[in-house]
Amino acid sequence: MLRIDVLSGTLPYALPPGNPFGNEIWAYGLRNPWRFSFDRANGDLYLADVGQDLVEEVDFQPTGSGAGANYGWNIMEGSRCFATTTCSSAGLTLPVAEYFHGSGDCAVIGGYVYRGSRFPLLQGTYIYGDLCSGRIWGLKNSGLGWESTLLAQTTLQISTFGEDESGELYVADYATGDIYRIGSP
């Protein structure tokens, strides 16, 4: 993951203070992050990272941390060893949520933390989905750990999520090009 400062006036860009390796790299060990977003309420970072063979993952970094984080690819795929039967997760930042391919799931699509007003019960919940199955989940830290809940089973081929100025969320269907506001069933 790269971090640059394009507003510094330095051409083509400047390196922000705090980049851990003295270059553009802020964190590494991601295979194919398919959308990341910051929680508009507190700046926490959520990353959806598409797996290789078996596991899709959601990674999390609270605001003010994460510089130099190694998310584990290609040592780990999710919380499992990749390409070997044993490996060490020491020093790695493991995902807070993961799911396995199967039942039509194939690629995690990152979303946003819900900060709208239409659905108070979803307040503070990270919404994400799967490209192939159309499933949409909500992820939240209960204080005892992270819990992921299936919120909707759709027929969409989810390609991205969007967020408006009010914190309401939208989802795009790759198959049709249509965009839908997320609502109640």
Protein backbone atom coordinates (compact mmCIF):
# COMPACT_ATOMS: atom_id res chain seq x y z
CA MET A 1 0.00 0.00 0.00
CA LEU A 2 1.43 3.33 -1.04
CA ARG A 3 1.09 6.65 0.77
CA ILE A 4 2.01 9.89 -0.99
CA ASP A 5 1.28 13.60 -0.55
CA VAL A 6 0.01 15.06 -3.83
CA LEU A 7 -1.00 18.40 -2.26
CA SER A 8 2.45 19.35 -0.97
CA GLY A 9 3.41 21.45 -3.97
CA THR A 10 6.36 19.14 -4.62
CA LEU A 11 6.26 17.62 -8.10
CA PRO A 12 5.19 14.98 -8.75
CA TYR A 13 4.51 14.37 -5.02
CA ALA A 14 6.13 14.36 -1.59
CA LEU A 15 6.62 11.55 0.90
CA PRO A 16 4.53 12.12 4.02
CA PRO A 17 6.29 12.03 7.36
CA GLY A 18 5.76 8.68 9.02
CA ASN A 19 6.19 6.47 5.96
CA PRO A 20 8.16 3.64 7.56
CA PHE A 21 10.58 2.71 4.78
CA GLY A 22 11.67 6.15 3.57
CA ASN A 23 9.75 5.71 0.30
CA GLU A 24 6.13 5.52 -0.86
CA ILE A 25 5.39 2.19 0.84
CA TRP A 26 3.22 2.50 3.94
CA ALA A 27 2.31 -1.22 4.38
CA TYR A 28 2.80 -4.46 2.47
CA GLY A 29 1.77 -8.11 2.32
CA LEU A 30 -1.48 -7.51 0.44
CA ARG A 31 -2.32 -9.74 -2.54
CA ASN A 32 -5.07 -7.79 -4.32
CA PRO A 33 -6.80 -5.20 -2.15
CA TRP A 34 -10.17 -4.66 -3.82
CA ARG A 35 -11.25 -1.44 -2.22
CA PHE A 36 -10.20 0.11 1.04
CA SER A 37 -11.83 2.90 2.98
CA PHE A 38 -11.44 5.02 6.05
CA ASP A 39 -14.20 5.27 8.64
CA ARG A 40 -15.38 8.87 8.38
CA ALA A 41 -16.01 9.01 12.15
CA ASN A 42 -12.54 8.07 13.38
CA GLY A 43 -10.16 7.41 10.46
CA ASP A 44 -9.86 3.64 11.01
CA LEU A 45 -8.77 1.78 7.87
CA TYR A 46 -10.59 -1.24 6.42
CA LEU A 47 -9.07 -3.25 3.54
CA ALA A 48 -10.72 -6.04 1.58
CA ASP A 49 -7.99 -8.29 0.16
CA VAL A 50 -8.89 -10.83 -2.54
CA GLY A 51 -7.32 -14.22 -1.92
CA GLN A 52 -5.53 -16.56 -4.30
CA ASP A 53 -7.04 -20.03 -3.97
CA LEU A 54 -9.22 -20.36 -0.92
CA VAL A 55 -9.65 -17.43 1.48
CA GLU A 56 -11.02 -13.88 1.20
CA GLU A 57 -10.09 -11.46 3.98
CA VAL A 58 -10.88 -8.12 5.58
CA ASP A 59 -8.00 -6.34 7.30
CA PHE A 60 -8.24 -3.51 9.81
CA GLN A 61 -5.90 -0.83 11.15
CA PRO A 62 -7.04 1.62 13.81
CA THR A 63 -6.21 5.21 13.08
CA GLY A 64 -2.69 6.17 14.07
CA SER A 65 -1.26 2.67 13.64
CA GLY A 66 -0.30 0.38 10.80
CA ALA A 67 2.73 2.08 9.27
CA GLY A 68 4.96 -0.76 8.15
CA ALA A 69 2.31 -3.44 8.71
CA ASN A 70 2.81 -6.74 6.92
CA TYR A 71 -0.60 -8.24 6.11
CA GLY A 72 0.99 -11.60 5.39
CA TRP A 73 0.73 -12.30 1.68
CA ASN A 74 2.33 -14.61 0.39
CA ILE A 75 3.12 -16.34 3.67
CA MET A 76 -0.55 -16.45 4.62
CA GLU A 77 -3.84 -16.45 2.76
CA GLY A 78 -6.20 -15.12 5.40
CA SER A 79 -5.18 -16.82 8.64
CA ARG A 80 -3.98 -19.99 6.85
CA CYS A 81 -0.53 -20.83 5.58
CA PHE A 82 -0.23 -20.34 1.82
CA ALA A 83 1.71 -22.82 -0.33
CA THR A 84 3.10 -24.69 2.71
CA THR A 85 1.61 -26.74 5.51
CA THR A 86 3.38 -24.78 8.25
CA CYS A 87 4.39 -21.15 8.56
CA SER A 88 4.86 -18.47 11.16
CA SER A 89 2.44 -15.59 11.59
CA ALA A 90 4.85 -13.77 13.92
CA GLY A 91 5.04 -10.09 13.06
CA LEU A 92 2.09 -10.28 10.66
CA THR A 93 -1.16 -8.33 10.86
CA LEU A 94 -3.83 -11.00 10.45
CA PRO A 95 -7.33 -10.33 9.11
CA VAL A 96 -10.24 -9.51 11.40
CA ALA A 97 -12.65 -11.41 9.13
CA GLU A 98 -12.31 -14.06 6.47
CA TYR A 99 -14.42 -16.48 4.48
CA PHE A 100 -13.69 -19.40 2.22
CA HIS A 101 -14.51 -19.90 -1.43
CA GLY A 102 -17.52 -22.10 -1.86
CA SER A 103 -21.27 -21.59 -2.05
CA GLY A 104 -20.57 -19.24 -4.96
CA ASP A 105 -18.14 -16.92 -3.13
CA CYS A 106 -15.02 -15.92 -5.06
CA ALA A 107 -13.77 -12.36 -4.38
CA VAL A 108 -14.28 -9.97 -1.48
CA ILE A 109 -15.35 -6.42 -2.38
CA GLY A 110 -14.60 -3.79 0.23
CA GLY A 111 -17.13 -1.24 1.34
CA TYR A 112 -17.56 1.37 4.03
CA VAL A 113 -18.44 1.77 7.67
CA TYR A 114 -22.09 2.79 7.77
CA ARG A 115 -22.48 6.31 9.18
CA GLY A 116 -25.90 7.16 7.76
CA SER A 117 -29.13 7.77 9.66
CA ARG A 118 -31.65 5.49 7.87
CA PHE A 119 -30.56 2.30 9.68
CA PRO A 120 -29.50 3.04 13.27
CA LEU A 121 -28.79 -0.65 14.01
CA LEU A 122 -26.09 -0.64 11.31
CA GLN A 123 -24.32 2.42 12.76
CA GLY A 124 -20.57 1.69 12.95
CA THR A 125 -20.85 -1.54 10.92
CA TYR A 126 -18.41 -2.14 8.06
CA ILE A 127 -20.41 -3.26 5.00
CA TYR A 128 -18.70 -5.47 2.40
CA GLY A 129 -19.69 -8.09 -0.17
CA ASP A 130 -18.66 -10.79 -2.62
CA LEU A 131 -18.41 -10.35 -6.40
CA CYS A 132 -19.74 -13.78 -7.39
CA SER A 133 -22.30 -14.71 -4.73
CA GLY A 134 -23.84 -11.25 -4.25
CA ARG A 135 -23.74 -11.70 -0.49
CA ILE A 136 -23.44 -8.57 1.67
CA TRP A 137 -22.07 -8.78 5.21
CA GLY A 138 -21.75 -6.41 8.13
CA LEU A 139 -18.61 -6.53 10.29
CA LYS A 140 -18.38 -5.01 13.74
CA ASN A 141 -16.12 -5.26 16.75
CA SER A 142 -18.30 -6.27 19.70
CA GLY A 143 -15.58 -5.46 22.22
CA LEU A 144 -15.00 -9.19 22.63
CA GLY A 145 -13.90 -9.67 19.03
CA TRP A 146 -14.97 -9.14 15.46
CA GLU A 147 -18.34 -10.49 14.32
CA SER A 148 -19.42 -10.78 10.69
CA THR A 149 -23.14 -11.13 9.95
CA LEU A 150 -24.78 -11.93 6.63
CA LEU A 151 -27.06 -8.96 5.91
CA ALA A 152 -28.34 -9.77 2.42
CA GLN A 153 -28.26 -12.40 -0.28
CA THR A 154 -28.60 -10.57 -3.61
CA THR A 155 -28.45 -11.50 -7.28
CA LEU A 156 -25.95 -8.69 -7.89
CA GLN A 157 -22.46 -9.14 -9.24
CA ILE A 158 -21.03 -6.66 -6.70
CA SER A 159 -18.15 -4.62 -8.07
CA THR A 160 -17.99 -1.70 -5.65
CA PHE A 161 -19.70 0.20 -2.86
CA GLY A 162 -20.16 3.94 -2.60
CA GLU A 163 -20.89 6.40 0.18
CA ASP A 164 -22.77 9.70 -0.08
CA GLU A 165 -22.33 12.88 1.97
CA SER A 166 -24.90 11.67 4.50
CA GLY A 167 -23.10 8.36 5.10
CA GLU A 168 -25.71 6.29 3.23
CA LEU A 169 -24.28 3.43 1.18
CA TYR A 170 -24.66 2.27 -2.41
CA VAL A 171 -23.71 -0.89 -4.26
CA ALA A 172 -22.90 -1.32 -7.97
CA ASP A 173 -23.82 -4.32 -10.10
CA TYR A 174 -21.04 -5.16 -12.56
CA ALA A 175 -23.36 -7.25 -14.74
CA THR A 176 -25.83 -4.43 -15.46
CA GLY A 177 -23.97 -1.26 -14.49
CA ASP A 178 -26.82 -0.34 -12.16
CA ILE A 179 -26.24 1.37 -8.81
CA TYR A 180 -28.53 0.72 -5.84
CA ARG A 181 -28.92 2.49 -2.53
CA ILE A 182 -28.64 -0.04 0.28
CA GLY A 183 -31.99 -0.37 2.00
CA SER A 184 -33.98 -2.65 4.19
CA PRO A 185 -35.32 -5.95 2.81
